[in-house]
Amino acid sequence: MKFQAKYLILFILFSVNSYAQEDDLTKFANEMLYIADEFAGPAAEGVGYQAGAGWFTSATALKPWKVEISFQGNALIVPSNRQSFTISNNDLAGVHQNGGAILSIKGEGSNAVVPTAFGGETDVYFEGNLLGESFEFQALEGVNKGVVAYPFIQANVGLPYETEFAARFLPQLMVDGVAVTTYGAGIKHNFSQYFKFNNEDDFQAAAIIAFSKFDVEYEFTPVSIENVVNLNLVNVNSNLWMASVLGSKKYGDDFEVFGALGATNSNFSYAMGGSGIALSPINNALRGLDQSQAQFKADLGFNIYFNRFKISTMATAGKFFHINAGVHFRI
């Protein structure tokens, strides 16, 4: 009981005196914050491309009250430089005001290459001593995927004034060991209607704005320190706004090319799951990672029309390369 009381007192002091000189528990939380940011950061960037894809396939709006149901799939191509990162003992010490890291890389080396959430297995371990407890744990391992794909359903409905509304939804789905949930809504408006002598087969111009909520949860091999903390998952929650201007041109009755330039702005928040007295300080520190991230992207794709449906494909270029494909049924 005395041992448990000691940790309870330290936890209370940490909670009520956030401006005090860093104690060991605070230092450990900040070091785990640094590791979590480097581990999950590329996945957070990739979310911006996945959540911003597939909102449109043409600058032409559906006729009022016509409905289109789409079954789509996204595939994020992960470059090798987003699958790992280099960490050093100096990096861990550098997150503190007065140096003196709790964690260090086990072994003779002072730096190591470890996976991000997209990376694979690792034999790198961290070690340290916290509140009199010596411990070690393996660096976090990723999903080991160079391509991350998932499906979703979207519905579009035509509105008056050459306007179109879209909504999408994906309940929690396990994709390669990662739980993905997303939903959102968007609205598109055609501007070619204001051009004089405009015909449907002429070049069409439009703008779209969309909001997406994207939640990714990844379980990893537990990081366990007896009587201190047990960490077993990281959650990345994002709210994403996208705005794009787009153009399309139809050739005959069955082929259409479209392209767009746009920007996304994502607000990310992180949380660790698990148990132990250090979990709350770690998640309090993780709130310091809540951030906004703006990215620019370019899209290019085409549609092939059939009698009552069409097939679309679209490629997106930016920090990541992303592919979207779908089958769209008009009702």
C-alpha atoms as a PDB file:
ATOM      1  CA  MET A   1       0.000   0.000   0.000  1.00  0.00           C
ATOM      2  CA  LYS A   2       2.853   2.403   0.735  1.00  0.00           C
ATOM      3  CA  PHE A   3       4.294   1.704  -2.731  1.00  0.00           C
ATOM      4  CA  GLN A   4       0.972   2.501  -4.432  1.00  0.00           C
ATOM      5  CA  ALA A   5       0.534   5.652  -2.337  1.00  0.00           C
ATOM      6  CA  LYS A   6       3.925   6.965  -3.483  1.00  0.00           C
ATOM      7  CA  TYR A   7       2.835   6.804  -7.120  1.00  0.00           C
ATOM      8  CA  LEU A   8      -0.540   8.361  -6.336  1.00  0.00           C
ATOM      9  CA  ILE A   9       1.154  11.355  -4.684  1.00  0.00           C
ATOM     10  CA  LEU A  10       3.500  11.829  -7.650  1.00  0.00           C
ATOM     11  CA  PHE A  11       0.560  11.697 -10.026  1.00  0.00           C
ATOM     12  CA  ILE A  12      -1.375  14.350  -8.066  1.00  0.00           C
ATOM     13  CA  LEU A  13       1.677  16.625  -7.945  1.00  0.00           C
ATOM     14  CA  PHE A  14       2.100  16.273 -11.715  1.00  0.00           C
ATOM     15  CA  SER A  15      -1.566  17.111 -12.342  1.00  0.00           C
ATOM     16  CA  VAL A  16      -1.786  20.242 -10.189  1.00  0.00           C
ATOM     17  CA  ASN A  17       1.665  21.710 -10.848  1.00  0.00           C
ATOM     18  CA  SER A  18       2.262  21.606 -14.592  1.00  0.00           C
ATOM     19  CA  TYR A  19       4.707  24.517 -14.404  1.00  0.00           C
ATOM     20  CA  ALA A  20       6.995  22.937 -11.839  1.00  0.00           C
ATOM     21  CA  GLN A  21      10.433  21.645 -12.691  1.00  0.00           C
ATOM     22  CA  GLU A  22      10.172  18.448 -14.710  1.00  0.00           C
ATOM     23  CA  ASP A  23      10.072  15.299 -12.556  1.00  0.00           C
ATOM     24  CA  ASP A  24      10.894  11.847 -13.905  1.00  0.00           C
ATOM     25  CA  LEU A  25       7.272  10.991 -14.688  1.00  0.00           C
ATOM     26  CA  THR A  26       6.914  14.186 -16.734  1.00  0.00           C
ATOM     27  CA  LYS A  27      10.145  13.468 -18.568  1.00  0.00           C
ATOM     28  CA  PHE A  28       9.014   9.958 -19.420  1.00  0.00           C
ATOM     29  CA  ALA A  29       5.682  11.312 -20.695  1.00  0.00           C
ATOM     30  CA  ASN A  30       7.440  13.842 -22.924  1.00  0.00           C
ATOM     31  CA  GLU A  31       9.795  11.230 -24.333  1.00  0.00           C
ATOM     32  CA  MET A  32       6.877   8.919 -25.147  1.00  0.00           C
ATOM     33  CA  LEU A  33       5.208  11.960 -26.708  1.00  0.00           C
ATOM     34  CA  TYR A  34       8.196  12.410 -29.031  1.00  0.00           C
ATOM     35  CA  ILE A  35       8.238   8.729 -29.996  1.00  0.00           C
ATOM     36  CA  ALA A  36       4.461   8.686 -30.603  1.00  0.00           C
ATOM     37  CA  ASP A  37       4.636  11.791 -32.791  1.00  0.00           C
ATOM     38  CA  GLU A  38       7.398  10.345 -34.981  1.00  0.00           C
ATOM     39  CA  PHE A  39       5.600   6.983 -35.124  1.00  0.00           C
ATOM     40  CA  ALA A  40       2.099   8.253 -35.961  1.00  0.00           C
ATOM     41  CA  GLY A  41       2.965  11.469 -37.862  1.00  0.00           C
ATOM     42  CA  PRO A  42       3.206   9.906 -41.351  1.00  0.00           C
ATOM     43  CA  ALA A  43      -0.135   8.140 -40.832  1.00  0.00           C
ATOM     44  CA  ALA A  44      -1.696  11.474 -39.898  1.00  0.00           C
ATOM     45  CA  GLU A  45      -0.329  13.010 -43.120  1.00  0.00           C
ATOM     46  CA  GLY A  46      -1.660  10.098 -45.168  1.00  0.00           C
ATOM     47  CA  VAL A  47      -5.119  10.561 -43.681  1.00  0.00           C
ATOM     48  CA  GLY A  48      -5.349  13.928 -45.445  1.00  0.00           C
ATOM     49  CA  TYR A  49      -5.010  12.259 -48.835  1.00  0.00           C
ATOM     50  CA  GLN A  50      -7.345   9.372 -48.056  1.00  0.00           C
ATOM     51  CA  ALA A  51     -10.105  11.518 -46.581  1.00  0.00           C
ATOM     52  CA  GLY A  52      -9.867  14.069 -49.422  1.00  0.00           C
ATOM     53  CA  ALA A  53     -10.160  11.544 -52.270  1.00  0.00           C
ATOM     54  CA  GLY A  54     -13.221  10.436 -54.197  1.00  0.00           C
ATOM     55  CA  TRP A  55     -15.505  13.382 -53.489  1.00  0.00           C
ATOM     56  CA  PHE A  56     -15.970  14.163 -57.172  1.00  0.00           C
ATOM     57  CA  THR A  57     -15.670  12.522 -60.591  1.00  0.00           C
ATOM     58  CA  SER A  58     -16.963  15.361 -62.770  1.00  0.00           C
ATOM     59  CA  ALA A  59     -17.508  19.113 -62.725  1.00  0.00           C
ATOM     60  CA  THR A  60     -21.016  18.519 -64.053  1.00  0.00           C
ATOM     61  CA  ALA A  61     -23.655  18.305 -61.333  1.00  0.00           C
ATOM     62  CA  LEU A  62     -26.371  15.676 -61.182  1.00  0.00           C
ATOM     63  CA  LYS A  63     -29.814  16.800 -62.288  1.00  0.00           C
ATOM     64  CA  PRO A  64     -32.017  17.965 -59.386  1.00  0.00           C
ATOM     65  CA  TRP A  65     -32.990  15.104 -57.078  1.00  0.00           C
ATOM     66  CA  LYS A  66     -31.154  12.456 -59.084  1.00  0.00           C
ATOM     67  CA  VAL A  67     -29.171  10.103 -56.839  1.00  0.00           C
ATOM     68  CA  GLU A  68     -25.858   8.352 -57.409  1.00  0.00           C
ATOM     69  CA  ILE A  69     -24.646   5.544 -55.124  1.00  0.00           C
ATOM     70  CA  SER A  70     -20.909   4.869 -55.235  1.00  0.00           C
ATOM     71  CA  PHE A  71     -18.816   1.949 -54.051  1.00  0.00           C
ATOM     72  CA  GLN A  72     -15.254   3.206 -53.873  1.00  0.00           C
ATOM     73  CA  GLY A  73     -11.826   2.134 -52.737  1.00  0.00           C
ATOM     74  CA  ASN A  74      -8.804   4.206 -51.690  1.00  0.00           C
ATOM     75  CA  ALA A  75      -5.187   3.087 -51.898  1.00  0.00           C
ATOM     76  CA  LEU A  76      -2.422   5.150 -50.285  1.00  0.00           C
ATOM     77  CA  ILE A  77       1.066   4.496 -51.675  1.00  0.00           C
ATOM     78  CA  VAL A  78       3.543   4.903 -48.822  1.00  0.00           C
ATOM     79  CA  PRO A  79       7.062   6.047 -49.817  1.00  0.00           C
ATOM     80  CA  SER A  80      10.007   4.385 -48.096  1.00  0.00           C
ATOM     81  CA  ASN A  81      10.986   7.586 -46.269  1.00  0.00           C
ATOM     82  CA  ARG A  82       7.601   7.513 -44.482  1.00  0.00           C
ATOM     83  CA  GLN A  83       8.045   3.921 -43.272  1.00  0.00           C
ATOM     84  CA  SER A  84      10.873   4.572 -40.808  1.00  0.00           C
ATOM     85  CA  PHE A  85      12.635   7.337 -38.914  1.00  0.00           C
ATOM     86  CA  THR A  86      15.956   7.777 -37.138  1.00  0.00           C
ATOM     87  CA  ILE A  87      15.952   8.425 -33.404  1.00  0.00           C
ATOM     88  CA  SER A  88      18.912   9.172 -31.129  1.00  0.00           C
ATOM     89  CA  ASN A  89      19.588   9.546 -27.431  1.00  0.00           C
ATOM     90  CA  ASN A  90      20.187  13.244 -28.088  1.00  0.00           C
ATOM     91  CA  ASP A  91      16.662  13.514 -29.563  1.00  0.00           C
ATOM     92  CA  LEU A  92      15.190  12.059 -26.375  1.00  0.00           C
ATOM     93  CA  ALA A  93      17.226  14.384 -24.148  1.00  0.00           C
ATOM     94  CA  GLY A  94      16.401  17.360 -26.360  1.00  0.00           C
ATOM     95  CA  VAL A  95      12.684  17.288 -25.540  1.00  0.00           C
ATOM     96  CA  HIS A  96      13.430  18.480 -21.984  1.00  0.00           C
ATOM     97  CA  GLN A  97      14.182  21.896 -20.572  1.00  0.00           C
ATOM     98  CA  ASN A  98      17.170  20.617 -18.607  1.00  0.00           C
ATOM     99  CA  GLY A  99      18.236  17.475 -20.498  1.00  0.00           C
ATOM    100  CA  GLY A 100      18.725  14.172 -18.712  1.00  0.00           C
ATOM    101  CA  ALA A 101      16.518  11.683 -20.572  1.00  0.00           C
ATOM    102  CA  ILE A 102      14.789   8.764 -18.875  1.00  0.00           C
ATOM    103  CA  LEU A 103      14.932   6.609 -22.010  1.00  0.00           C
ATOM    104  CA  SER A 104      17.936   5.573 -24.046  1.00  0.00           C
ATOM    105  CA  ILE A 105      18.525   3.182 -26.904  1.00  0.00           C
ATOM    106  CA  LYS A 106      19.602  -0.202 -25.582  1.00  0.00           C
ATOM    107  CA  GLY A 107      23.033  -1.325 -26.721  1.00  0.00           C
ATOM    108  CA  GLU A 108      26.168   0.470 -27.768  1.00  0.00           C
ATOM    109  CA  GLY A 109      24.660   2.701 -30.447  1.00  0.00           C
ATOM    110  CA  SER A 110      23.405   6.196 -29.687  1.00  0.00           C
ATOM    111  CA  ASN A 111      20.946   6.238 -32.594  1.00  0.00           C
ATOM    112  CA  ALA A 112      18.724   3.736 -34.422  1.00  0.00           C
ATOM    113  CA  VAL A 113      16.287   3.436 -37.311  1.00  0.00           C
ATOM    114  CA  VAL A 114      12.804   2.416 -36.131  1.00  0.00           C
ATOM    115  CA  PRO A 115       9.444   1.949 -37.910  1.00  0.00           C
ATOM    116  CA  THR A 116       6.644   4.441 -38.290  1.00  0.00           C
ATOM    117  CA  ALA A 117       3.025   3.223 -38.248  1.00  0.00           C
ATOM    118  CA  PHE A 118       3.554   2.154 -41.884  1.00  0.00           C
ATOM    119  CA  GLY A 119       6.836   0.330 -41.169  1.00  0.00           C
ATOM    120  CA  GLY A 120       7.571  -3.261 -40.208  1.00  0.00           C
ATOM    121  CA  GLU A 121       9.328  -5.191 -37.478  1.00  0.00           C
ATOM    122  CA  THR A 122      12.283  -3.951 -35.448  1.00  0.00           C
ATOM    123  CA  ASP A 123      14.836  -5.352 -33.017  1.00  0.00           C
ATOM    124  CA  VAL A 124      15.485  -1.959 -31.390  1.00  0.00           C
ATOM    125  CA  TYR A 125      14.784  -1.654 -27.655  1.00  0.00           C
ATOM    126  CA  PHE A 126      14.601   1.319 -25.321  1.00  0.00           C
ATOM    127  CA  GLU A 127      15.680   1.076 -21.694  1.00  0.00           C
ATOM    128  CA  GLY A 128      15.477   3.311 -18.641  1.00  0.00           C
ATOM    129  CA  ASN A 129      14.836   3.692 -14.948  1.00  0.00           C
ATOM    130  CA  LEU A 130      11.679   5.330 -13.652  1.00  0.00           C
ATOM    131  CA  LEU A 131      10.772   5.802  -9.997  1.00  0.00           C
ATOM    132  CA  GLY A 132      13.250   3.112  -8.999  1.00  0.00           C
ATOM    133  CA  GLU A 133      12.029   0.627 -11.600  1.00  0.00           C
ATOM    134  CA  SER A 134      14.443  -0.512 -14.310  1.00  0.00           C
ATOM    135  CA  PHE A 135      12.692  -1.454 -17.548  1.00  0.00           C
ATOM    136  CA  GLU A 136      13.053  -1.979 -21.260  1.00  0.00           C
ATOM    137  CA  PHE A 137      10.592  -2.230 -24.145  1.00  0.00           C
ATOM    138  CA  GLN A 138      10.681  -2.854 -27.856  1.00  0.00           C
ATOM    139  CA  ALA A 139      10.243   0.104 -30.215  1.00  0.00           C
ATOM    140  CA  LEU A 140       6.760   0.330 -31.687  1.00  0.00           C
ATOM    141  CA  GLU A 141       6.188  -1.758 -34.808  1.00  0.00           C
ATOM    142  CA  GLY A 142       4.010  -0.743 -37.741  1.00  0.00           C
ATOM    143  CA  VAL A 143       1.655  -2.549 -40.105  1.00  0.00           C
ATOM    144  CA  ASN A 144       4.456  -3.254 -42.622  1.00  0.00           C
ATOM    145  CA  LYS A 145       2.460  -1.989 -45.597  1.00  0.00           C
ATOM    146  CA  GLY A 146       3.647  -0.014 -48.614  1.00  0.00           C
ATOM    147  CA  VAL A 147       0.032   0.285 -49.754  1.00  0.00           C
ATOM    148  CA  VAL A 148      -2.859   1.006 -47.366  1.00  0.00           C
ATOM    149  CA  ALA A 149      -6.295   0.398 -48.917  1.00  0.00           C
ATOM    150  CA  TYR A 150      -9.865   0.541 -47.645  1.00  0.00           C
ATOM    151  CA  PRO A 151     -13.397   0.718 -49.155  1.00  0.00           C
ATOM    152  CA  PHE A 152     -16.293   3.076 -48.442  1.00  0.00           C
ATOM    153  CA  ILE A 153     -19.788   3.940 -49.670  1.00  0.00           C
ATOM    154  CA  GLN A 154     -20.835   7.391 -50.870  1.00  0.00           C
ATOM    155  CA  ALA A 155     -24.158   8.869 -51.956  1.00  0.00           C
ATOM    156  CA  ASN A 156     -24.540  11.989 -54.138  1.00  0.00           C
ATOM    157  CA  VAL A 157     -27.791  13.846 -54.798  1.00  0.00           C
ATOM    158  CA  GLY A 158     -28.422  16.608 -57.321  1.00  0.00           C
ATOM    159  CA  LEU A 159     -29.816  19.914 -56.067  1.00  0.00           C
ATOM    160  CA  PRO A 160     -31.217  22.945 -57.907  1.00  0.00           C
ATOM    161  CA  TYR A 161     -28.856  25.537 -59.418  1.00  0.00           C
ATOM    162  CA  GLU A 162     -26.291  22.997 -60.671  1.00  0.00           C
ATOM    163  CA  THR A 163     -25.361  22.033 -57.135  1.00  0.00           C
ATOM    164  CA  GLU A 164     -24.631  18.565 -55.769  1.00  0.00           C
ATOM    165  CA  PHE A 165     -24.469  17.207 -52.216  1.00  0.00           C
ATOM    166  CA  ALA A 166     -22.361  14.180 -51.222  1.00  0.00           C
ATOM    167  CA  ALA A 167     -22.191  12.100 -48.036  1.00  0.00           C
ATOM    168  CA  ARG A 168     -19.996   9.127 -47.176  1.00  0.00           C
ATOM    169  CA  PHE A 169     -19.826   6.671 -44.322  1.00  0.00           C
ATOM    170  CA  LEU A 170     -17.630   3.773 -43.249  1.00  0.00           C
ATOM    171  CA  PRO A 171     -18.315   2.097 -39.904  1.00  0.00           C
ATOM    172  CA  GLN A 172     -15.300   0.738 -38.073  1.00  0.00           C
ATOM    173  CA  LEU A 173     -13.397  -1.608 -40.349  1.00  0.00           C
ATOM    174  CA  MET A 174     -10.203  -3.529 -39.639  1.00  0.00           C
ATOM    175  CA  VAL A 175      -7.696  -2.970 -42.443  1.00  0.00           C
ATOM    176  CA  ASP A 176      -4.333  -4.733 -42.005  1.00  0.00           C
ATOM    177  CA  GLY A 177      -4.640  -4.616 -38.220  1.00  0.00           C
ATOM    178  CA  VAL A 178      -5.739  -0.949 -38.171  1.00  0.00           C
ATOM    179  CA  ALA A 179      -9.283   0.081 -37.193  1.00  0.00           C
ATOM    180  CA  VAL A 180     -10.549   2.756 -39.597  1.00  0.00           C
ATOM    181  CA  THR A 181     -13.731   4.833 -39.243  1.00  0.00           C
ATOM    182  CA  THR A 182     -14.718   7.712 -41.518  1.00  0.00           C
ATOM    183  CA  TYR A 183     -17.696   9.829 -42.469  1.00  0.00           C
ATOM    184  CA  GLY A 184     -18.222  13.228 -44.014  1.00  0.00           C
ATOM    185  CA  ALA A 185     -20.176  15.500 -46.343  1.00  0.00           C
ATOM    186  CA  GLY A 186     -19.404  17.771 -49.269  1.00  0.00           C
ATOM    187  CA  ILE A 187     -21.078  20.205 -51.648  1.00  0.00           C
ATOM    188  CA  LYS A 188     -20.158  21.021 -55.246  1.00  0.00           C
ATOM    189  CA  HIS A 189     -21.299  23.910 -57.448  1.00  0.00           C
ATOM    190  CA  ASN A 190     -20.911  24.175 -61.221  1.00  0.00           C
ATOM    191  CA  PHE A 191     -19.739  27.548 -62.595  1.00  0.00           C
ATOM    192  CA  SER A 192     -19.918  26.788 -66.301  1.00  0.00           C
ATOM    193  CA  GLN A 193     -23.656  27.455 -66.144  1.00  0.00           C
ATOM    194  CA  TYR A 194     -22.780  31.138 -65.957  1.00  0.00           C
ATOM    195  CA  PHE A 195     -20.791  30.999 -69.208  1.00  0.00           C
ATOM    196  CA  LYS A 196     -22.570  32.228 -72.300  1.00  0.00           C
ATOM    197  CA  PHE A 197     -23.286  29.547 -74.943  1.00  0.00           C
ATOM    198  CA  ASN A 198     -22.359  26.729 -72.529  1.00  0.00           C
ATOM    199  CA  ASN A 199     -23.248  23.159 -73.557  1.00  0.00           C
ATOM    200  CA  GLU A 200     -22.990  19.982 -71.471  1.00  0.00           C
ATOM    201  CA  ASP A 201     -20.261  18.583 -73.735  1.00  0.00           C
ATOM    202  CA  ASP A 202     -18.144  21.720 -73.360  1.00  0.00           C
ATOM    203  CA  PHE A 203     -15.434  22.080 -70.742  1.00  0.00           C
ATOM    204  CA  GLN A 204     -17.065  22.268 -67.309  1.00  0.00           C
ATOM    205  CA  ALA A 205     -15.713  24.085 -64.237  1.00  0.00           C
ATOM    206  CA  ALA A 206     -16.795  23.717 -60.622  1.00  0.00           C
ATOM    207  CA  ALA A 207     -15.684  24.078 -57.014  1.00  0.00           C
ATOM    208  CA  ILE A 208     -16.180  21.737 -54.085  1.00  0.00           C
ATOM    209  CA  ILE A 209     -15.800  21.946 -50.332  1.00  0.00           C
ATOM    210  CA  ALA A 210     -15.964  18.892 -48.086  1.00  0.00           C
ATOM    211  CA  PHE A 211     -15.570  17.941 -44.445  1.00  0.00           C
ATOM    212  CA  SER A 212     -14.366  14.517 -43.288  1.00  0.00           C
ATOM    213  CA  LYS A 213     -13.896  12.953 -39.883  1.00  0.00           C
ATOM    214  CA  PHE A 214     -11.307  10.182 -39.942  1.00  0.00           C
ATOM    215  CA  ASP A 215     -10.421   7.974 -36.989  1.00  0.00           C
ATOM    216  CA  VAL A 216      -7.523   5.493 -37.049  1.00  0.00           C
ATOM    217  CA  GLU A 217      -6.722   3.148 -34.156  1.00  0.00           C
ATOM    218  CA  TYR A 218      -3.675   0.880 -34.163  1.00  0.00           C
ATOM    219  CA  GLU A 219      -2.826  -1.771 -31.581  1.00  0.00           C
ATOM    220  CA  PHE A 220       0.837  -2.554 -31.026  1.00  0.00           C
ATOM    221  CA  THR A 221       2.931  -4.888 -28.892  1.00  0.00           C
ATOM    222  CA  PRO A 222       2.384  -3.566 -25.342  1.00  0.00           C
ATOM    223  CA  VAL A 223       4.914  -1.210 -23.818  1.00  0.00           C
ATOM    224  CA  SER A 224       4.812  -2.332 -20.202  1.00  0.00           C
ATOM    225  CA  ILE A 225       6.558  -0.909 -17.150  1.00  0.00           C
ATOM    226  CA  GLU A 226       5.488  -2.681 -13.977  1.00  0.00           C
ATOM    227  CA  ASN A 227       3.416  -0.504 -11.621  1.00  0.00           C
ATOM    228  CA  VAL A 228       3.820   2.505 -13.958  1.00  0.00           C
ATOM    229  CA  VAL A 229       2.175   2.072 -17.353  1.00  0.00           C
ATOM    230  CA  ASN A 230       1.001  -0.418 -19.957  1.00  0.00           C
ATOM    231  CA  LEU A 231       0.510   1.069 -23.448  1.00  0.00           C
ATOM    232  CA  ASN A 232      -1.108  -1.016 -26.187  1.00  0.00           C
ATOM    233  CA  LEU A 233      -2.640   1.265 -28.815  1.00  0.00           C
ATOM    234  CA  VAL A 234      -2.475   4.703 -30.405  1.00  0.00           C
ATOM    235  CA  ASN A 235      -5.479   6.597 -31.763  1.00  0.00           C
ATOM    236  CA  VAL A 236      -5.222   9.346 -34.381  1.00  0.00           C
ATOM    237  CA  ASN A 237      -8.388  11.413 -34.765  1.00  0.00           C
ATOM    238  CA  SER A 238      -8.610  13.996 -37.530  1.00  0.00           C
ATOM    239  CA  ASN A 239     -11.082  16.579 -38.774  1.00  0.00           C
ATOM    240  CA  LEU A 240     -10.321  17.483 -42.366  1.00  0.00           C
ATOM    241  CA  TRP A 241     -11.550  20.309 -44.602  1.00  0.00           C
ATOM    242  CA  MET A 242     -10.912  20.139 -48.326  1.00  0.00           C
ATOM    243  CA  ALA A 243     -11.492  22.774 -51.018  1.00  0.00           C
ATOM    244  CA  SER A 244     -10.815  22.192 -54.718  1.00  0.00           C
ATOM    245  CA  VAL A 245     -11.447  23.755 -58.082  1.00  0.00           C
ATOM    246  CA  LEU A 246     -12.015  21.206 -60.813  1.00  0.00           C
ATOM    247  CA  GLY A 247     -12.624  20.882 -64.495  1.00  0.00           C
ATOM    248  CA  SER A 248     -13.899  18.089 -66.721  1.00  0.00           C
ATOM    249  CA  LYS A 249     -14.434  17.428 -70.409  1.00  0.00           C
ATOM    250  CA  LYS A 250     -16.632  14.728 -71.885  1.00  0.00           C
ATOM    251  CA  TYR A 251     -15.738  13.073 -75.200  1.00  0.00           C
ATOM    252  CA  GLY A 252     -18.727  11.422 -76.801  1.00  0.00           C
ATOM    253  CA  ASP A 253     -21.211   9.611 -74.594  1.00  0.00           C
ATOM    254  CA  ASP A 254     -18.910   7.257 -72.737  1.00  0.00           C
ATOM    255  CA  PHE A 255     -15.599   8.919 -71.783  1.00  0.00           C
ATOM    256  CA  GLU A 256     -14.761  11.887 -69.569  1.00  0.00           C
ATOM    257  CA  VAL A 257     -11.507  13.343 -68.252  1.00  0.00           C
ATOM    258  CA  PHE A 258     -11.337  15.417 -65.069  1.00  0.00           C
ATOM    259  CA  GLY A 259      -8.691  17.155 -62.992  1.00  0.00           C
ATOM    260  CA  ALA A 260      -8.480  19.363 -59.915  1.00  0.00           C
ATOM    261  CA  LEU A 261      -6.214  21.464 -57.739  1.00  0.00           C
ATOM    262  CA  GLY A 262      -6.991  21.702 -54.070  1.00  0.00           C
ATOM    263  CA  ALA A 263      -5.879  22.140 -50.493  1.00  0.00           C
ATOM    264  CA  THR A 264      -6.671  20.327 -47.286  1.00  0.00           C
ATOM    265  CA  ASN A 265      -6.469  21.465 -43.693  1.00  0.00           C
ATOM    266  CA  SER A 266      -6.419  18.758 -41.045  1.00  0.00           C
ATOM    267  CA  ASN A 267      -6.710  19.026 -37.276  1.00  0.00           C
ATOM    268  CA  PHE A 268      -5.160  16.009 -35.549  1.00  0.00           C
ATOM    269  CA  SER A 269      -5.352  14.729 -32.003  1.00  0.00           C
ATOM    270  CA  TYR A 270      -3.564  11.733 -30.525  1.00  0.00           C
ATOM    271  CA  ALA A 271      -4.298   9.430 -27.585  1.00  0.00           C
ATOM    272  CA  MET A 272      -2.656   6.334 -26.154  1.00  0.00           C
ATOM    273  CA  GLY A 273      -4.662   3.429 -24.798  1.00  0.00           C
ATOM    274  CA  GLY A 274      -3.730   1.181 -21.919  1.00  0.00           C
ATOM    275  CA  SER A 275      -3.521   1.456 -18.144  1.00  0.00           C
ATOM    276  CA  GLY A 276      -1.309   2.638 -15.292  1.00  0.00           C
ATOM    277  CA  ILE A 277      -0.587   5.870 -13.443  1.00  0.00           C
ATOM    278  CA  ALA A 278       1.569   7.278 -16.274  1.00  0.00           C
ATOM    279  CA  LEU A 279      -1.186   6.908 -18.901  1.00  0.00           C
ATOM    280  CA  SER A 280      -2.925  10.161 -17.957  1.00  0.00           C
ATOM    281  CA  PRO A 281       0.288  12.273 -17.959  1.00  0.00           C
ATOM    282  CA  ILE A 282       1.241  10.772 -21.319  1.00  0.00           C
ATOM    283  CA  ASN A 283      -2.138  11.624 -22.832  1.00  0.00           C
ATOM    284  CA  ASN A 284      -2.003  15.106 -21.285  1.00  0.00           C
ATOM    285  CA  ALA A 285       1.361  15.572 -22.976  1.00  0.00           C
ATOM    286  CA  LEU A 286      -0.061  14.188 -26.241  1.00  0.00           C
ATOM    287  CA  ARG A 287      -2.571  17.036 -26.277  1.00  0.00           C
ATOM    288  CA  GLY A 288       0.430  19.225 -27.030  1.00  0.00           C
ATOM    289  CA  LEU A 289       0.596  17.447 -30.390  1.00  0.00           C
ATOM    290  CA  ASP A 290      -2.889  18.601 -31.409  1.00  0.00           C
ATOM    291  CA  GLN A 291      -2.094  20.519 -34.549  1.00  0.00           C
ATOM    292  CA  SER A 292      -3.330  21.818 -37.867  1.00  0.00           C
ATOM    293  CA  GLN A 293      -1.663  20.739 -41.069  1.00  0.00           C
ATOM    294  CA  ALA A 294      -2.236  22.232 -44.531  1.00  0.00           C
ATOM    295  CA  GLN A 295      -1.395  20.285 -47.663  1.00  0.00           C
ATOM    296  CA  PHE A 296      -1.794  20.929 -51.373  1.00  0.00           C
ATOM    297  CA  LYS A 297      -2.732  18.257 -53.871  1.00  0.00           C
ATOM    298  CA  ALA A 298      -3.407  17.695 -57.558  1.00  0.00           C
ATOM    299  CA  ASP A 299      -5.928  15.178 -58.917  1.00  0.00           C
ATOM    300  CA  LEU A 300      -6.286  13.640 -62.367  1.00  0.00           C
ATOM    301  CA  GLY A 301      -8.750  10.971 -63.459  1.00  0.00           C
ATOM    302  CA  PHE A 302     -11.245   9.689 -65.986  1.00  0.00           C
ATOM    303  CA  ASN A 303     -14.732   8.121 -66.192  1.00  0.00           C
ATOM    304  CA  ILE A 304     -16.076   5.418 -68.478  1.00  0.00           C
ATOM    305  CA  TYR A 305     -19.868   5.585 -68.860  1.00  0.00           C
ATOM    306  CA  PHE A 306     -22.210   2.641 -69.361  1.00  0.00           C
ATOM    307  CA  ASN A 307     -25.999   2.497 -69.572  1.00  0.00           C
ATOM    308  CA  ARG A 308     -26.890   3.010 -65.903  1.00  0.00           C
ATOM    309  CA  PHE A 309     -23.489   3.290 -64.214  1.00  0.00           C
ATOM    310  CA  LYS A 310     -19.957   4.522 -64.685  1.00  0.00           C
ATOM    311  CA  ILE A 311     -16.478   3.460 -63.596  1.00  0.00           C
ATOM    312  CA  SER A 312     -14.037   6.083 -62.344  1.00  0.00           C
ATOM    313  CA  THR A 313     -10.395   6.205 -61.382  1.00  0.00           C
ATOM    314  CA  MET A 314      -8.410   9.098 -59.943  1.00  0.00           C
ATOM    315  CA  ALA A 315      -4.765   9.630 -58.969  1.00  0.00           C
ATOM    316  CA  THR A 316      -3.674  12.223 -56.390  1.00  0.00           C
ATOM    317  CA  ALA A 317      -0.141  13.572 -56.099  1.00  0.00           C
ATOM    318  CA  GLY A 318       1.485  15.417 -53.181  1.00  0.00           C
ATOM    319  CA  LYS A 319       3.627  14.183 -50.297  1.00  0.00           C
ATOM    320  CA  PHE A 320       1.967  10.818 -50.941  1.00  0.00           C
ATOM    321  CA  PHE A 321       0.661   9.211 -54.115  1.00  0.00           C
ATOM    322  CA  HIS A 322      -2.968   8.099 -53.799  1.00  0.00           C
ATOM    323  CA  ILE A 323      -5.322   6.168 -56.068  1.00  0.00           C
ATOM    324  CA  ASN A 324      -9.124   6.100 -55.903  1.00  0.00           C
ATOM    325  CA  ALA A 325     -11.408   3.874 -57.981  1.00  0.00           C
ATOM    326  CA  GLY A 326     -15.174   3.434 -57.904  1.00  0.00           C
ATOM    327  CA  VAL A 327     -18.352   2.139 -59.492  1.00  0.00           C
ATOM    328  CA  HIS A 328     -21.215   4.670 -59.512  1.00  0.00           C
ATOM    329  CA  PHE A 329     -24.875   3.703 -60.028  1.00  0.00           C
ATOM    330  CA  ARG A 330     -27.405   6.391 -60.954  1.00  0.00           C
ATOM    331  CA  ILE A 331     -30.956   6.045 -59.631  1.00  0.00           C
END
